[in-house]
PDB file of N, CA and C in Angstrom:
ATOM      1  N   MET A   1      -2.687  29.044   6.978  1.00  0.00           N
ATOM      2  CA  MET A   1      -3.210  28.604   5.731  1.00  0.00           C
ATOM      3  C   MET A   1      -4.829  29.097   5.617  1.00  0.00           C
ATOM      4  N   ASP A   2      -5.311  29.997   4.866  1.00  0.00           N
ATOM      5  CA  ASP A   2      -6.362  30.421   4.416  1.00  0.00           C
ATOM      6  C   ASP A   2      -7.075  29.781   3.544  1.00  0.00           C
ATOM      7  N   LEU A   3      -8.099  28.507   4.216  1.00  0.00           N
ATOM      8  CA  LEU A   3      -8.965  27.815   3.252  1.00  0.00           C
ATOM      9  C   LEU A   3      -9.400  28.197   2.433  1.00  0.00           C
ATOM     10  N   SER A   4     -10.117  29.666   2.424  1.00  0.00           N
ATOM     11  CA  SER A   4     -11.249  30.489   1.175  1.00  0.00           C
ATOM     12  C   SER A   4      -9.717  30.753   0.762  1.00  0.00           C
ATOM     13  N   GLN A   5      -8.681  30.841   0.263  1.00  0.00           N
ATOM     14  CA  GLN A   5      -7.509  30.987  -0.884  1.00  0.00           C
ATOM     15  C   GLN A   5      -7.728  29.947  -1.721  1.00  0.00           C
ATOM     16  N   LEU A   6      -8.031  28.887  -1.330  1.00  0.00           N
ATOM     17  CA  LEU A   6      -7.312  27.327  -1.957  1.00  0.00           C
ATOM     18  C   LEU A   6      -8.169  27.317  -2.837  1.00  0.00           C
ATOM     19  N   THR A   7      -8.088  26.719  -4.148  1.00  0.00           N
ATOM     20  CA  THR A   7      -8.632  26.482  -4.921  1.00  0.00           C
ATOM     21  C   THR A   7      -9.263  24.568  -4.979  1.00  0.00           C
ATOM     22  N   PRO A   8     -10.358  24.681  -5.522  1.00  0.00           N
ATOM     23  CA  PRO A   8     -11.236  22.983  -5.774  1.00  0.00           C
ATOM     24  C   PRO A   8     -10.211  22.358  -5.264  1.00  0.00           C
ATOM     25  N   ASP A   9      -8.987  22.162  -6.666  1.00  0.00           N
ATOM     26  CA  ASP A   9      -8.254  21.068  -6.981  1.00  0.00           C
ATOM     27  C   ASP A   9      -7.046  20.825  -5.615  1.00  0.00           C
ATOM     28  N   GLN A  10      -7.047  22.336  -5.109  1.00  0.00           N
ATOM     29  CA  GLN A  10      -5.949  22.503  -3.955  1.00  0.00           C
ATOM     30  C   GLN A  10      -6.390  21.857  -2.363  1.00  0.00           C
ATOM     31  N   LEU A  11      -8.061  22.308  -2.414  1.00  0.00           N
ATOM     32  CA  LEU A  11      -8.954  22.000  -1.233  1.00  0.00           C
ATOM     33  C   LEU A  11      -8.703  20.319  -1.110  1.00  0.00           C
ATOM     34  N   LYS A  12      -9.419  19.761  -2.556  1.00  0.00           N
ATOM     35  CA  LYS A  12      -9.395  18.777  -2.437  1.00  0.00           C
ATOM     36  C   LYS A  12      -7.771  17.881  -2.159  1.00  0.00           C
ATOM     37  N   GLU A  13      -6.943  18.106  -2.538  1.00  0.00           N
ATOM     38  CA  GLU A  13      -5.151  17.408  -2.549  1.00  0.00           C
ATOM     39  C   GLU A  13      -5.690  17.729  -0.739  1.00  0.00           C
ATOM     40  N   LEU A  14      -5.733  18.758  -0.205  1.00  0.00           N
ATOM     41  CA  LEU A  14      -5.428  19.020   1.085  1.00  0.00           C
ATOM     42  C   LEU A  14      -6.502  18.009   1.646  1.00  0.00           C
ATOM     43  N   VAL A  15      -7.122  18.034   1.551  1.00  0.00           N
ATOM     44  CA  VAL A  15      -8.663  16.992   2.563  1.00  0.00           C
ATOM     45  C   VAL A  15      -8.020  15.365   2.121  1.00  0.00           C
ATOM     46  N   ARG A  16      -7.839  15.028   1.035  1.00  0.00           N
ATOM     47  CA  ARG A  16      -6.836  13.675   0.876  1.00  0.00           C
ATOM     48  C   ARG A  16      -5.755  13.618   1.277  1.00  0.00           C
ATOM     49  N   GLY A  17      -4.771  14.475   1.483  1.00  0.00           N
ATOM     50  CA  GLY A  17      -3.710  14.315   2.463  1.00  0.00           C
ATOM     51  C   GLY A  17      -4.133  13.992   3.791  1.00  0.00           C
ATOM     52  N   LEU A  18      -5.210  14.634   4.604  1.00  0.00           N
ATOM     53  CA  LEU A  18      -5.219  14.438   5.455  1.00  0.00           C
ATOM     54  C   LEU A  18      -6.185  13.359   5.867  1.00  0.00           C
ATOM     55  N   VAL A  19      -6.910  13.011   4.925  1.00  0.00           N
ATOM     56  CA  VAL A  19      -7.762  11.597   5.281  1.00  0.00           C
ATOM     57  C   VAL A  19      -6.962  10.378   5.051  1.00  0.00           C
ATOM     58  N   ASP A  20      -5.796  10.589   4.236  1.00  0.00           N
ATOM     59  CA  ASP A  20      -4.584   9.584   3.995  1.00  0.00           C
ATOM     60  C   ASP A  20      -4.282   9.222   5.866  1.00  0.00           C
ATOM     61  N   ASP A  21      -3.337  10.548   6.246  1.00  0.00           N
ATOM     62  CA  ASP A  21      -2.208  10.854   6.934  1.00  0.00           C
ATOM     63  C   ASP A  21      -3.708   9.925   8.360  1.00  0.00           C
ATOM     64  N   ARG A  22      -4.961  10.371   8.487  1.00  0.00           N
ATOM     65  CA  ARG A  22      -5.687   9.757   9.424  1.00  0.00           C
ATOM     66  C   ARG A  22      -5.713   8.259   9.571  1.00  0.00           C
ATOM     67  N   LEU A  23      -5.829   8.115   8.328  1.00  0.00           N
ATOM     68  CA  LEU A  23      -6.074   6.448   8.362  1.00  0.00           C
ATOM     69  C   LEU A  23      -5.016   5.668   8.269  1.00  0.00           C
ATOM     70  N   ARG A  24      -3.946   6.360   8.147  1.00  0.00           N
ATOM     71  CA  ARG A  24      -2.476   6.111   8.836  1.00  0.00           C
ATOM     72  C   ARG A  24      -2.523   5.208  10.433  1.00  0.00           C
ATOM     73  N   GLU A  25      -2.816   6.844  10.977  1.00  0.00           N
ATOM     74  CA  GLU A  25      -2.880   6.584  12.134  1.00  0.00           C
ATOM     75  C   GLU A  25      -3.542   5.937  12.738  1.00  0.00           C
ATOM     76  N   LEU A  26      -5.251   5.326  12.005  1.00  0.00           N
ATOM     77  CA  LEU A  26      -5.803   4.507  12.452  1.00  0.00           C
ATOM     78  C   LEU A  26      -5.757   2.827  12.521  1.00  0.00           C
ATOM     79  N   LEU A  27      -4.711   2.552  11.194  1.00  0.00           N
ATOM     80  CA  LEU A  27      -4.602   1.432  10.994  1.00  0.00           C
ATOM     81  C   LEU A  27      -3.270   1.023  10.628  1.00  0.00           C
ATOM     82  N   GLY A  28      -2.832   1.814  10.687  1.00  0.00           N
ATOM     83  CA  GLY A  28      -0.948   1.144  11.456  1.00  0.00           C
ATOM     84  C   GLY A  28      -0.667   0.973   9.877  1.00  0.00           C
ATOM     85  N   ASP A  29       1.069   0.015  10.504  1.00  0.00           N
ATOM     86  CA  ASP A  29       1.061  -0.943   9.680  1.00  0.00           C
ATOM     87  C   ASP A  29       1.815  -2.265  10.567  1.00  0.00           C
ATOM     88  N   PRO A  30       1.195  -3.118  11.121  1.00  0.00           N
ATOM     89  CA  PRO A  30       1.308  -4.149  11.507  1.00  0.00           C
ATOM     90  C   PRO A  30       3.122  -4.426  11.821  1.00  0.00           C
ATOM     91  N   ASP A  31       3.468  -4.390  10.415  1.00  0.00           N
ATOM     92  CA  ASP A  31       4.803  -5.287  10.671  1.00  0.00           C
ATOM     93  C   ASP A  31       5.737  -4.190  10.618  1.00  0.00           C
ATOM     94  N   LEU A  32       5.267  -2.715  10.824  1.00  0.00           N
ATOM     95  CA  LEU A  32       6.637  -2.050  11.173  1.00  0.00           C
ATOM     96  C   LEU A  32       7.498  -1.649  12.222  1.00  0.00           C
ATOM     97  N   GLY A  33       8.642  -1.751  12.220  1.00  0.00           N
ATOM     98  CA  GLY A  33       9.947  -1.756  12.614  1.00  0.00           C
ATOM     99  C   GLY A  33      10.080  -3.672  12.453  1.00  0.00           C
ATOM    100  N   LEU A  34       9.456  -5.040  11.980  1.00  0.00           N
ATOM    101  CA  LEU A  34      10.196  -6.275  12.196  1.00  0.00           C
ATOM    102  C   LEU A  34      10.752  -6.083  11.387  1.00  0.00           C
ATOM    103  N   GLN A  35      11.924  -7.097  11.833  1.00  0.00           N
ATOM    104  CA  GLN A  35      12.759  -7.507  10.010  1.00  0.00           C
ATOM    105  C   GLN A  35      12.828  -8.545  10.257  1.00  0.00           C
ATOM    106  N   LEU A  36      12.379  -8.811   8.752  1.00  0.00           N
ATOM    107  CA  LEU A  36      12.644  -9.952   7.762  1.00  0.00           C
ATOM    108  C   LEU A  36      13.530 -11.376   8.119  1.00  0.00           C
ATOM    109  N   GLY A  37      12.939 -12.848   8.285  1.00  0.00           N
ATOM    110  CA  GLY A  37      14.016 -13.413   8.817  1.00  0.00           C
ATOM    111  C   GLY A  37      14.762 -13.707   7.193  1.00  0.00           C
ATOM    112  N   ALA A  38      16.038 -14.497   7.126  1.00  0.00           N
ATOM    113  CA  ALA A  38      17.410 -14.780   6.896  1.00  0.00           C
ATOM    114  C   ALA A  38      16.997 -15.376   5.386  1.00  0.00           C
ATOM    115  N   ALA A  39      15.376 -17.001   5.925  1.00  0.00           N
ATOM    116  CA  ALA A  39      14.810 -17.653   4.864  1.00  0.00           C
ATOM    117  C   ALA A  39      13.983 -16.681   3.810  1.00  0.00           C
ATOM    118  N   LEU A  40      12.831 -15.698   4.650  1.00  0.00           N
ATOM    119  CA  LEU A  40      12.406 -14.668   3.923  1.00  0.00           C
ATOM    120  C   LEU A  40      13.114 -14.088   2.957  1.00  0.00           C
ATOM    121  N   GLN A  41      14.091 -13.112   3.115  1.00  0.00           N
ATOM    122  CA  GLN A  41      14.816 -12.557   2.345  1.00  0.00           C
ATOM    123  C   GLN A  41      15.159 -12.943   0.912  1.00  0.00           C
ATOM    124  N   ALA A  42      15.392 -14.815   1.535  1.00  0.00           N
ATOM    125  CA  ALA A  42      16.231 -15.381   0.364  1.00  0.00           C
ATOM    126  C   ALA A  42      15.201 -15.796  -0.783  1.00  0.00           C
ATOM    127  N   ARG A  43      14.100 -16.122  -0.250  1.00  0.00           N
ATOM    128  CA  ARG A  43      12.659 -16.389  -1.157  1.00  0.00           C
ATOM    129  C   ARG A  43      12.781 -15.039  -1.813  1.00  0.00           C
ATOM    130  N   LEU A  44      12.141 -14.017  -1.131  1.00  0.00           N
ATOM    131  CA  LEU A  44      12.102 -12.581  -2.041  1.00  0.00           C
ATOM    132  C   LEU A  44      13.073 -12.379  -3.184  1.00  0.00           C
ATOM    133  N   LYS A  45      14.623 -12.349  -2.844  1.00  0.00           N
ATOM    134  CA  LYS A  45      15.501 -11.970  -3.661  1.00  0.00           C
ATOM    135  C   LYS A  45      15.471 -13.086  -5.393  1.00  0.00           C
ATOM    136  N   GLU A  46      14.807 -14.687  -4.291  1.00  0.00           N
ATOM    137  CA  GLU A  46      14.684 -15.257  -5.630  1.00  0.00           C
ATOM    138  C   GLU A  46      13.491 -14.994  -6.451  1.00  0.00           C
ATOM    139  N   SER A  47      12.519 -14.932  -6.103  1.00  0.00           N
ATOM    140  CA  SER A  47      11.659 -13.861  -6.143  1.00  0.00           C
ATOM    141  C   SER A  47      11.740 -13.234  -7.153  1.00  0.00           C
ATOM    142  N   LEU A  48      12.116 -12.158  -7.042  1.00  0.00           N
ATOM    143  CA  LEU A  48      12.222 -10.958  -8.230  1.00  0.00           C
ATOM    144  C   LEU A  48      13.523 -11.522  -9.160  1.00  0.00           C
ATOM    145  N   LYS A  49      14.613 -12.067  -8.837  1.00  0.00           N
ATOM    146  CA  LYS A  49      14.747 -12.295 -10.364  1.00  0.00           C
ATOM    147  C   LYS A  49      14.313 -13.346 -11.393  1.00  0.00           C
ATOM    148  N   SER A  50      13.024 -13.675 -11.194  1.00  0.00           N
ATOM    149  CA  SER A  50      12.258 -14.665 -12.007  1.00  0.00           C
ATOM    150  C   SER A  50      11.218 -13.369 -12.938  1.00  0.00           C
ATOM    151  N   THR A  51      11.393 -13.681 -13.816  1.00  0.00           N
ATOM    152  CA  THR A  51      10.747 -12.646 -14.856  1.00  0.00           C
ATOM    153  C   THR A  51       8.744 -13.407 -14.928  1.00  0.00           C
ATOM    154  N   GLU A  52       8.530 -14.209 -14.185  1.00  0.00           N
ATOM    155  CA  GLU A  52       7.463 -15.032 -14.377  1.00  0.00           C
ATOM    156  C   GLU A  52       6.373 -14.164 -13.501  1.00  0.00           C
ATOM    157  N   ARG A  53       5.096 -13.278 -13.968  1.00  0.00           N
ATOM    158  CA  ARG A  53       4.331 -12.893 -12.785  1.00  0.00           C
ATOM    159  C   ARG A  53       3.261 -13.402 -12.827  1.00  0.00           C
ATOM    160  N   ILE A  54       2.654 -13.276 -12.468  1.00  0.00           N
ATOM    161  CA  ILE A  54       0.501 -13.466 -12.239  1.00  0.00           C
ATOM    162  C   ILE A  54       0.087 -12.379 -11.686  1.00  0.00           C
ATOM    163  N   SER A  55      -0.773 -12.169 -12.258  1.00  0.00           N
ATOM    164  CA  SER A  55      -1.592 -11.094 -12.147  1.00  0.00           C
ATOM    165  C   SER A  55      -2.609 -11.534 -10.966  1.00  0.00           C
ATOM    166  N   GLY A  56      -2.659  -9.717 -10.203  1.00  0.00           N
ATOM    167  CA  GLY A  56      -3.571 -10.050  -9.093  1.00  0.00           C
ATOM    168  C   GLY A  56      -5.351 -10.858  -9.401  1.00  0.00           C
ATOM    169  N   ASP A  57      -5.687 -10.826  -9.938  1.00  0.00           N
ATOM    170  CA  ASP A  57      -6.894 -11.360 -10.590  1.00  0.00           C
ATOM    171  C   ASP A  57      -7.182 -13.168 -10.739  1.00  0.00           C
ATOM    172  N   ASP A  58      -5.844 -13.397 -11.154  1.00  0.00           N
ATOM    173  CA  ASP A  58      -5.410 -15.303 -11.167  1.00  0.00           C
ATOM    174  C   ASP A  58      -5.284 -15.110  -9.574  1.00  0.00           C
ATOM    175  N   VAL A  59      -4.253 -14.454  -8.772  1.00  0.00           N
ATOM    176  CA  VAL A  59      -4.452 -15.028  -7.471  1.00  0.00           C
ATOM    177  C   VAL A  59      -5.267 -15.029  -6.846  1.00  0.00           C
ATOM    178  N   ALA A  60      -6.428 -14.097  -7.282  1.00  0.00           N
ATOM    179  CA  ALA A  60      -7.839 -14.329  -6.076  1.00  0.00           C
ATOM    180  C   ALA A  60      -8.468 -15.403  -6.846  1.00  0.00           C
ATOM    181  N   GLU A  61      -8.996 -15.348  -7.729  1.00  0.00           N
ATOM    182  CA  GLU A  61      -9.329 -16.651  -8.561  1.00  0.00           C
ATOM    183  C   GLU A  61      -8.920 -18.226  -7.951  1.00  0.00           C
ATOM    184  N   LYS A  62      -7.235 -18.047  -7.838  1.00  0.00           N
ATOM    185  CA  LYS A  62      -7.144 -19.464  -7.204  1.00  0.00           C
ATOM    186  C   LYS A  62      -7.390 -19.649  -5.741  1.00  0.00           C
ATOM    187  N   LEU A  63      -7.277 -18.324  -5.083  1.00  0.00           N
ATOM    188  CA  LEU A  63      -7.402 -18.692  -3.795  1.00  0.00           C
ATOM    189  C   LEU A  63      -9.492 -18.854  -3.253  1.00  0.00           C
ATOM    190  N   GLY A  64     -10.222 -18.043  -4.079  1.00  0.00           N
ATOM    191  CA  GLY A  64     -11.347 -18.334  -4.385  1.00  0.00           C
ATOM    192  C   GLY A  64     -11.760 -16.702  -3.521  1.00  0.00           C
ATOM    193  N   LEU A  65     -11.195 -15.752  -4.246  1.00  0.00           N
ATOM    194  CA  LEU A  65     -11.319 -14.661  -3.859  1.00  0.00           C
ATOM    195  C   LEU A  65     -12.401 -13.545  -4.587  1.00  0.00           C
ATOM    196  N   ARG A  66     -12.836 -12.770  -4.003  1.00  0.00           N
ATOM    197  CA  ARG A  66     -13.725 -11.857  -5.147  1.00  0.00           C
ATOM    198  C   ARG A  66     -13.016 -10.765  -4.890  1.00  0.00           C
ATOM    199  N   TRP A  67     -12.653  -9.330  -6.121  1.00  0.00           N
ATOM    200  CA  TRP A  67     -12.839  -8.114  -6.038  1.00  0.00           C
ATOM    201  C   TRP A  67     -13.709  -7.418  -5.621  1.00  0.00           C
TER     202      TRP A  67
END
């Protein structure tokens, strides 16, 4: 790949992808490969059936967090 041939938008996308890949390498997903327990799976399935939703802002306020 010849970087001098890239448009500014293509270069931006390339850099964005490289940064994303590097952050995933460094931070990783500590839960990757772990299995959910049966009780948690049941709770998640039940939660997905509900149409009631709460916003992230409401959750943060309830927990005393600031975005």
